[in-house]
């Protein structure tokens, strides 16, 4: 169906490869060396995020980073290979890593004014309980 260039992680090194997504087979080639050919029904490809995919075949797995992650995904959706999306944590967890803008002066003044009033009311309540 289509060839996709990218990189796989082999022995802690990134190796340039081409993944051929055929109708009946999936072939992985690095330069002139064929790493493997698998029947599509014996191979599972799952996204792991950030454009990286895990290829599972014959009790082994490879981390594949295609040069065109979107095209790779679209081609997989049309292929016989099952694409299973892992449950991702909510986007709110990712966005919590980024800080927002600093508060405005009015917000700071309002916060400290409310804190001072709350403190004064608490002190008044303690004094009134004692006397």
Protein backbone atom coordinates (compact mmCIF):
# COMPACT_ATOMS: atom_id res chain seq x y z
CA UNK A 1 0.00 0.00 0.00
CA UNK A 2 2.62 2.56 1.07
CA UNK A 3 6.18 3.01 2.24
CA UNK A 4 6.96 5.21 5.24
CA UNK A 5 10.43 6.35 6.19
CA UNK A 6 11.33 7.00 9.78
CA UNK A 7 13.48 5.76 12.63
CA UNK A 8 13.37 2.82 15.02
CA UNK A 9 15.12 2.42 18.33
CA UNK A 10 17.51 -0.56 18.12
CA UNK A 11 20.02 -1.22 20.91
CA UNK A 12 19.69 2.38 22.18
CA UNK A 13 20.46 3.80 18.71
CA UNK A 14 18.05 5.45 16.29
CA UNK A 15 18.24 3.66 12.93
CA UNK A 16 16.78 5.02 9.68
CA UNK A 17 14.24 2.56 8.27
CA UNK A 18 11.44 2.20 5.76
CA UNK A 19 8.20 0.50 6.78
CA UNK A 20 6.25 -0.99 3.87
CA UNK A 21 2.59 -1.35 4.75
CA UNK A 22 1.43 -3.87 2.18
CA UNK A 23 -2.03 -5.33 1.84
CA UNK A 24 -1.00 -8.67 3.35
CA UNK A 25 2.42 -7.95 4.87
CA UNK A 26 4.34 -5.35 6.82
CA UNK A 27 8.04 -5.14 6.00
CA UNK A 28 10.74 -3.24 7.90
CA UNK A 29 13.96 -2.40 6.00
CA UNK A 30 17.08 -0.54 7.18
CA UNK A 31 19.16 0.44 4.16
CA UNK A 32 19.75 -2.80 2.25
CA UNK A 33 18.97 -5.03 5.25
CA UNK A 34 15.48 -6.41 5.77
CA UNK A 35 14.77 -6.44 9.49
CA UNK A 36 11.56 -8.40 9.15
CA UNK A 37 8.39 -9.19 7.22
CA UNK A 38 5.19 -10.07 9.02
CA UNK A 39 1.64 -10.88 7.98
CA UNK A 40 -0.64 -7.98 8.86
CA UNK A 41 -2.79 -10.20 11.08
CA UNK A 42 0.32 -11.24 13.09
CA UNK A 43 1.46 -7.67 13.65
CA UNK A 44 -0.02 -4.97 15.89
CA UNK A 45 0.82 -1.29 15.62
CA UNK A 46 -0.16 1.03 18.46
CA UNK A 47 0.41 4.76 18.92
CA UNK A 48 2.27 5.77 22.07
CA UNK A 49 2.11 9.54 21.61
CA UNK A 50 4.23 12.30 20.10
CA UNK A 51 4.11 10.65 16.66
CA UNK A 52 5.74 7.44 17.92
CA UNK A 53 4.28 3.99 17.26
CA UNK A 54 5.06 0.59 18.75
CA UNK A 55 5.22 -2.29 16.29
CA UNK A 56 4.54 -5.65 17.95
CA UNK A 57 5.38 -8.86 16.07
CA UNK A 58 6.64 -12.32 17.06
CA UNK A 59 6.85 -11.51 20.80
CA UNK A 60 9.06 -8.49 20.07
CA UNK A 61 8.45 -4.78 19.75
CA UNK A 62 10.06 -1.79 18.09
CA UNK A 63 9.54 1.90 18.67
CA UNK A 64 8.92 3.55 15.26
CA UNK A 65 8.91 7.30 14.61
CA UNK A 66 7.59 7.90 11.09
CA UNK A 67 8.64 11.02 9.20
CA UNK A 68 4.94 11.58 8.41
CA UNK A 69 3.01 10.44 11.53
CA UNK A 70 -0.36 11.66 10.24
CA UNK A 71 0.03 9.93 6.88
CA UNK A 72 1.17 6.78 8.64
CA UNK A 73 -1.92 6.80 10.85
CA UNK A 74 -4.27 7.48 7.95
CA UNK A 75 -2.75 4.59 6.01
CA UNK A 76 -3.07 2.25 8.99
CA UNK A 77 -6.74 3.08 9.36
CA UNK A 78 -7.25 1.83 5.81
CA UNK A 79 -5.08 -1.26 6.31
CA UNK A 80 -6.05 -4.57 7.86
CA UNK A 81 -3.69 -3.93 10.80
CA UNK A 82 -5.62 -3.15 13.98
CA UNK A 83 -4.87 0.29 15.39
CA UNK A 84 -5.59 0.41 19.10
CA UNK A 85 -5.34 3.75 20.85
CA UNK A 86 -4.10 3.58 24.44
CA UNK A 87 -6.00 5.47 27.07
CA UNK A 88 -4.37 8.86 27.32
CA UNK A 89 -4.44 10.98 30.44
CA UNK A 90 -6.67 14.02 30.16
CA UNK A 91 -5.36 17.06 28.38
CA UNK A 92 -5.63 19.00 31.62
CA UNK A 93 -2.62 17.04 32.90
CA UNK A 94 -0.50 18.10 29.95
CA UNK A 95 -1.60 21.73 30.17
CA UNK A 96 -0.74 21.87 33.87
CA UNK A 97 2.92 21.80 32.87
CA UNK A 98 2.60 25.29 31.39
CA UNK A 99 2.28 28.37 33.55
CA UNK A 100 -0.28 31.01 32.82
CA UNK A 101 0.36 34.76 32.75
CA UNK A 102 1.11 36.56 36.01
CA UNK A 103 -1.93 37.97 37.86
CA UNK A 104 -2.97 41.55 37.19
CA UNK A 105 -2.49 44.28 39.77
CA UNK A 106 -6.25 44.47 40.50
CA UNK A 107 -6.36 40.74 41.14
CA UNK A 108 -3.45 40.93 43.57
CA UNK A 109 -4.96 43.92 45.42
CA UNK A 110 -8.34 42.18 45.68
CA UNK A 111 -6.73 38.99 46.99
CA UNK A 112 -4.74 40.79 49.70
CA UNK A 113 -7.73 42.97 50.67
CA UNK A 114 -9.96 39.90 51.11
CA UNK A 115 -7.20 38.13 53.06
CA UNK A 116 -6.83 41.13 55.39
CA UNK A 117 -10.62 41.39 55.94
CA UNK A 118 -10.85 37.64 56.62
CA UNK A 119 -7.96 37.88 59.11
CA UNK A 120 -9.56 40.86 60.86
CA UNK A 121 -12.94 39.07 61.12
CA UNK A 122 -11.22 35.94 62.48
CA UNK A 123 -9.35 37.99 65.07
CA UNK A 124 -12.57 39.79 66.06
CA UNK A 125 -14.34 36.39 66.46
CA UNK A 126 -11.54 35.07 68.71
CA UNK A 127 -11.58 38.23 70.84
CA UNK A 128 -15.37 38.16 71.20
CA UNK A 129 -15.23 34.50 72.34
CA UNK A 130 -12.66 35.31 75.03
CA UNK A 131 -14.45 38.36 76.43
